[in-house]
Every structure is written in C-alpha cells, then in structure tokens.
N, C-alpha and C. Protein backbone atom coordinates (compact mmCIF):
# COMPACT_ATOMS: atom_id res chain seq x y z
N MET A 1 0.84 -1.18 0.00
CA MET A 1 0.00 0.00 0.00
C MET A 1 0.88 1.25 0.00
N GLU A 2 1.90 1.22 0.83
CA GLU A 2 2.76 2.38 0.95
C GLU A 2 3.50 2.66 -0.36
N SER A 3 4.02 1.63 -1.00
CA SER A 3 4.78 1.84 -2.23
C SER A 3 3.91 2.34 -3.38
N ARG A 4 2.62 2.02 -3.34
CA ARG A 4 1.69 2.48 -4.38
C ARG A 4 0.91 3.73 -3.96
N GLY A 5 1.08 4.14 -2.71
CA GLY A 5 0.35 5.30 -2.21
C GLY A 5 -1.14 5.04 -2.08
N LEU A 6 -1.50 3.79 -1.74
CA LEU A 6 -2.91 3.42 -1.63
C LEU A 6 -3.39 3.49 -0.19
N LYS A 7 -4.62 3.92 -0.03
CA LYS A 7 -5.29 3.82 1.27
C LYS A 7 -5.82 2.39 1.38
N SER A 8 -6.09 1.96 2.58
CA SER A 8 -6.60 0.60 2.77
C SER A 8 -7.91 0.39 2.03
N SER A 9 -8.75 1.41 2.00
CA SER A 9 -10.03 1.29 1.28
C SER A 9 -9.81 1.13 -0.22
N GLU A 10 -8.81 1.82 -0.76
CA GLU A 10 -8.51 1.70 -2.19
C GLU A 10 -7.97 0.31 -2.51
N LEU A 11 -7.12 -0.22 -1.64
CA LEU A 11 -6.59 -1.56 -1.85
C LEU A 11 -7.73 -2.57 -1.84
N ALA A 12 -8.61 -2.45 -0.87
CA ALA A 12 -9.77 -3.35 -0.78
C ALA A 12 -10.60 -3.31 -2.05
N ASP A 13 -10.87 -2.12 -2.54
CA ASP A 13 -11.66 -1.98 -3.77
C ASP A 13 -10.92 -2.57 -4.97
N ASN A 14 -9.61 -2.34 -5.05
CA ASN A 14 -8.81 -2.83 -6.17
C ASN A 14 -8.78 -4.35 -6.26
N ILE A 15 -8.66 -5.02 -5.12
CA ILE A 15 -8.52 -6.48 -5.16
C ILE A 15 -9.82 -7.22 -4.90
N GLY A 16 -10.88 -6.49 -4.61
CA GLY A 16 -12.20 -7.12 -4.47
C GLY A 16 -12.43 -7.80 -3.14
N VAL A 17 -11.97 -7.17 -2.06
CA VAL A 17 -12.27 -7.69 -0.71
C VAL A 17 -12.92 -6.56 0.08
N THR A 18 -13.46 -6.91 1.23
CA THR A 18 -14.11 -5.88 2.05
C THR A 18 -13.05 -5.03 2.74
N ARG A 19 -13.44 -3.84 3.08
CA ARG A 19 -12.53 -2.95 3.80
C ARG A 19 -12.19 -3.52 5.18
N ALA A 20 -13.13 -4.23 5.76
CA ALA A 20 -12.89 -4.86 7.06
C ALA A 20 -11.80 -5.92 6.96
N THR A 21 -11.75 -6.63 5.83
CA THR A 21 -10.71 -7.65 5.64
C THR A 21 -9.33 -7.02 5.72
N ILE A 22 -9.15 -5.90 5.02
CA ILE A 22 -7.87 -5.19 5.05
C ILE A 22 -7.58 -4.69 6.46
N SER A 23 -8.56 -4.11 7.09
CA SER A 23 -8.39 -3.58 8.44
C SER A 23 -7.96 -4.67 9.41
N HIS A 24 -8.59 -5.83 9.34
CA HIS A 24 -8.27 -6.93 10.25
C HIS A 24 -6.86 -7.48 9.99
N ILE A 25 -6.45 -7.53 8.74
CA ILE A 25 -5.09 -8.00 8.43
C ILE A 25 -4.06 -6.99 8.93
N LEU A 26 -4.29 -5.72 8.68
CA LEU A 26 -3.34 -4.69 9.09
C LEU A 26 -3.22 -4.59 10.61
N SER A 27 -4.31 -4.84 11.31
CA SER A 27 -4.27 -4.75 12.78
C SER A 27 -3.68 -6.00 13.42
N GLY A 28 -3.53 -7.07 12.62
CA GLY A 28 -3.00 -8.32 13.16
C GLY A 28 -4.08 -9.23 13.70
N ARG A 29 -5.31 -8.82 13.61
CA ARG A 29 -6.42 -9.65 14.10
C ARG A 29 -6.54 -10.94 13.28
N ASN A 30 -6.40 -10.82 11.96
CA ASN A 30 -6.47 -11.97 11.06
C ASN A 30 -5.21 -12.05 10.22
N LYS A 31 -4.88 -13.25 9.79
CA LYS A 31 -3.80 -13.45 8.83
C LYS A 31 -4.44 -13.54 7.45
N PRO A 32 -3.70 -13.11 6.42
CA PRO A 32 -4.28 -13.17 5.08
C PRO A 32 -4.49 -14.62 4.63
N SER A 33 -5.62 -14.88 4.01
CA SER A 33 -5.94 -16.21 3.51
C SER A 33 -5.27 -16.43 2.15
N ILE A 34 -5.26 -17.66 1.71
CA ILE A 34 -4.74 -17.98 0.38
C ILE A 34 -5.55 -17.22 -0.68
N ASP A 35 -6.85 -17.18 -0.51
CA ASP A 35 -7.72 -16.47 -1.44
C ASP A 35 -7.33 -14.99 -1.52
N PHE A 36 -7.07 -14.39 -0.37
CA PHE A 36 -6.65 -12.99 -0.32
C PHE A 36 -5.34 -12.80 -1.07
N LEU A 37 -4.37 -13.68 -0.81
CA LEU A 37 -3.07 -13.57 -1.48
C LEU A 37 -3.20 -13.74 -2.98
N GLN A 38 -4.05 -14.66 -3.41
CA GLN A 38 -4.27 -14.85 -4.85
C GLN A 38 -4.86 -13.60 -5.49
N LYS A 39 -5.80 -12.98 -4.82
CA LYS A 39 -6.40 -11.74 -5.35
C LYS A 39 -5.35 -10.63 -5.43
N LEU A 40 -4.56 -10.53 -4.40
CA LEU A 40 -3.51 -9.51 -4.36
C LEU A 40 -2.50 -9.72 -5.50
N LEU A 41 -2.08 -10.97 -5.69
CA LEU A 41 -1.11 -11.27 -6.75
C LEU A 41 -1.69 -11.14 -8.14
N SER A 42 -2.98 -11.37 -8.28
CA SER A 42 -3.58 -11.23 -9.62
C SER A 42 -3.67 -9.76 -10.02
N VAL A 43 -3.86 -8.87 -9.05
CA VAL A 43 -3.94 -7.44 -9.35
C VAL A 43 -2.54 -6.81 -9.40
N PHE A 44 -1.63 -7.34 -8.61
CA PHE A 44 -0.25 -6.83 -8.56
C PHE A 44 0.71 -7.98 -8.88
N PRO A 45 0.80 -8.37 -10.14
CA PRO A 45 1.58 -9.57 -10.52
C PRO A 45 3.08 -9.46 -10.28
N LYS A 46 3.60 -8.25 -10.12
CA LYS A 46 5.04 -8.11 -9.87
C LYS A 46 5.41 -8.28 -8.40
N LEU A 47 4.40 -8.44 -7.53
CA LEU A 47 4.69 -8.72 -6.13
C LEU A 47 5.35 -10.09 -6.01
N ASN A 48 6.35 -10.19 -5.19
CA ASN A 48 7.06 -11.44 -4.97
C ASN A 48 6.27 -12.26 -3.94
N SER A 49 5.71 -13.38 -4.36
CA SER A 49 4.87 -14.18 -3.46
C SER A 49 5.65 -14.71 -2.27
N ASN A 50 6.92 -15.03 -2.45
CA ASN A 50 7.74 -15.49 -1.33
C ASN A 50 7.88 -14.39 -0.29
N TRP A 51 8.10 -13.17 -0.74
CA TRP A 51 8.21 -12.04 0.18
C TRP A 51 6.90 -11.83 0.92
N LEU A 52 5.77 -11.95 0.20
CA LEU A 52 4.46 -11.77 0.83
C LEU A 52 4.24 -12.76 1.96
N ILE A 53 4.65 -13.99 1.74
CA ILE A 53 4.37 -15.05 2.71
C ILE A 53 5.40 -15.09 3.84
N THR A 54 6.68 -14.91 3.49
CA THR A 54 7.74 -15.09 4.49
C THR A 54 8.41 -13.80 4.94
N GLY A 55 8.30 -12.75 4.11
CA GLY A 55 9.02 -11.51 4.41
C GLY A 55 10.47 -11.56 3.99
N ILE A 56 10.86 -12.64 3.33
CA ILE A 56 12.25 -12.82 2.90
C ILE A 56 12.37 -12.47 1.42
N GLY A 57 13.43 -11.76 1.09
CA GLY A 57 13.68 -11.41 -0.30
C GLY A 57 13.20 -10.01 -0.60
N TYR A 58 12.90 -9.79 -1.85
CA TYR A 58 12.50 -8.47 -2.33
C TYR A 58 10.99 -8.41 -2.50
N MET A 59 10.45 -7.21 -2.31
CA MET A 59 9.00 -7.03 -2.40
C MET A 59 8.48 -7.31 -3.80
N THR A 60 9.22 -6.90 -4.82
CA THR A 60 8.75 -7.13 -6.18
C THR A 60 9.76 -7.97 -6.96
N THR A 61 9.28 -8.60 -7.98
CA THR A 61 10.16 -9.42 -8.82
C THR A 61 11.13 -8.52 -9.58
N ASP A 62 10.78 -7.26 -9.81
CA ASP A 62 11.70 -6.32 -10.46
C ASP A 62 12.95 -6.11 -9.61
N ASP A 63 12.80 -6.10 -8.29
CA ASP A 63 13.92 -5.86 -7.39
C ASP A 63 14.97 -6.95 -7.49
N THR A 64 14.56 -8.18 -7.77
CA THR A 64 15.54 -9.27 -7.85
C THR A 64 16.44 -9.08 -9.05
N ASP A 65 15.93 -8.48 -10.13
CA ASP A 65 16.76 -8.21 -11.30
C ASP A 65 17.82 -7.17 -11.00
N ASN A 66 17.48 -6.20 -10.17
CA ASN A 66 18.41 -5.12 -9.84
C ASN A 66 19.35 -5.48 -8.70
N ALA A 67 19.05 -6.55 -7.99
CA ALA A 67 19.83 -6.91 -6.81
C ALA A 67 21.28 -7.20 -7.15
N THR A 68 21.52 -7.88 -8.22
CA THR A 68 22.89 -8.23 -8.56
C THR A 68 23.69 -6.99 -8.95
N GLN A 69 23.05 -5.99 -9.49
CA GLN A 69 23.75 -4.79 -9.87
C GLN A 69 24.15 -3.94 -8.66
N SER A 70 23.35 -3.97 -7.60
CA SER A 70 23.63 -3.13 -6.44
C SER A 70 24.21 -3.92 -5.27
N PHE A 71 24.56 -5.17 -5.48
CA PHE A 71 25.08 -6.01 -4.40
C PHE A 71 26.46 -5.53 -4.00
N LYS A 72 26.68 -5.42 -2.70
CA LYS A 72 27.99 -5.04 -2.18
C LYS A 72 28.52 -6.19 -1.34
N SER A 73 29.79 -6.47 -1.48
CA SER A 73 30.39 -7.52 -0.67
C SER A 73 31.14 -6.88 0.49
N ILE A 74 31.25 -7.62 1.57
CA ILE A 74 31.93 -7.13 2.76
C ILE A 74 33.42 -7.38 2.61
N ASP A 75 34.20 -6.35 2.82
CA ASP A 75 35.65 -6.46 2.74
C ASP A 75 36.24 -6.86 4.09
N LYS A 76 35.77 -6.22 5.15
CA LYS A 76 36.26 -6.55 6.48
C LYS A 76 35.23 -6.14 7.52
N VAL A 77 35.36 -6.74 8.69
CA VAL A 77 34.52 -6.42 9.84
C VAL A 77 35.46 -6.07 10.98
N VAL A 78 35.16 -5.00 11.67
CA VAL A 78 35.97 -4.60 12.81
C VAL A 78 35.11 -4.76 14.07
N VAL A 79 35.65 -5.52 15.05
CA VAL A 79 34.95 -5.76 16.31
C VAL A 79 35.66 -4.95 17.38
N PHE A 80 34.92 -4.10 18.09
CA PHE A 80 35.47 -3.29 19.17
C PHE A 80 35.05 -3.91 20.50
N TYR A 81 36.02 -4.13 21.38
CA TYR A 81 35.77 -4.73 22.67
C TYR A 81 35.70 -3.65 23.75
N LYS A 82 35.08 -3.99 24.87
CA LYS A 82 34.92 -3.03 25.96
C LYS A 82 36.25 -2.56 26.54
N ASP A 83 37.30 -3.40 26.43
CA ASP A 83 38.61 -2.99 26.94
C ASP A 83 39.35 -2.07 25.95
N LYS A 84 38.62 -1.57 24.97
CA LYS A 84 39.09 -0.62 23.96
C LYS A 84 40.05 -1.25 22.94
N SER A 85 40.16 -2.55 22.95
CA SER A 85 40.91 -3.21 21.89
C SER A 85 39.96 -3.54 20.75
N PHE A 86 40.51 -3.92 19.63
CA PHE A 86 39.67 -4.28 18.50
C PHE A 86 40.32 -5.39 17.69
N GLN A 87 39.50 -6.01 16.88
CA GLN A 87 39.97 -7.09 16.01
C GLN A 87 39.40 -6.86 14.62
N GLU A 88 40.25 -6.92 13.64
CA GLU A 88 39.83 -6.76 12.25
C GLU A 88 39.75 -8.14 11.62
N ILE A 89 38.59 -8.44 11.04
CA ILE A 89 38.38 -9.75 10.44
C ILE A 89 38.19 -9.54 8.95
N LYS A 90 39.06 -10.18 8.16
CA LYS A 90 38.94 -10.12 6.70
C LYS A 90 38.63 -11.51 6.20
N GLU A 91 37.90 -11.56 5.12
CA GLU A 91 37.56 -12.87 4.54
C GLU A 91 38.63 -13.28 3.57
C-alpha cells in the first residue's frame, strides 16, 4: 500500500475484498488467507509471493533483477571490545 500510495479502502476496492478484511489484516487480528493472497497477486503480478508469505527477499520481482547490480560484498569487519581493543576480520 505504501509503495503504491494506496489507502486501505482503495486496496480493498482494487482487489475485491471488504474494507474490514484489510483492516483486520493490518491490525494483526487476522492473517491473510490464500484467497486474499491470490487476489492480491492477480492485481499486482510483480509482487514477490515469497516475500508476501515469508518476508524474505524483495518485495517485487523487479527488485531481484536489480539486486545483482547493487550487491555489495563485505571487505572486512571490525569488532570493538569493551577494553578498547579491536579485532579486524577479513575474509
């Protein structure tokens, strides 16, 4: 909703569910049903279904295409200890 600038009532109207359904999901009262997810994905086909269900990965399938271009690798990690010493870890 946030990425599309939609109000909950607009989302409900777009995917063909009641406004109460959206309200209950957003408040945590109910979890989205398979039917709800299917409606959401049919209206927004670029949504990543894995992200919708698990929260893992990218919100849209477009983001996975761009992920390799913006991926950064870690060169080193520095750990600071309370005794003011530190350790640098390189891979």
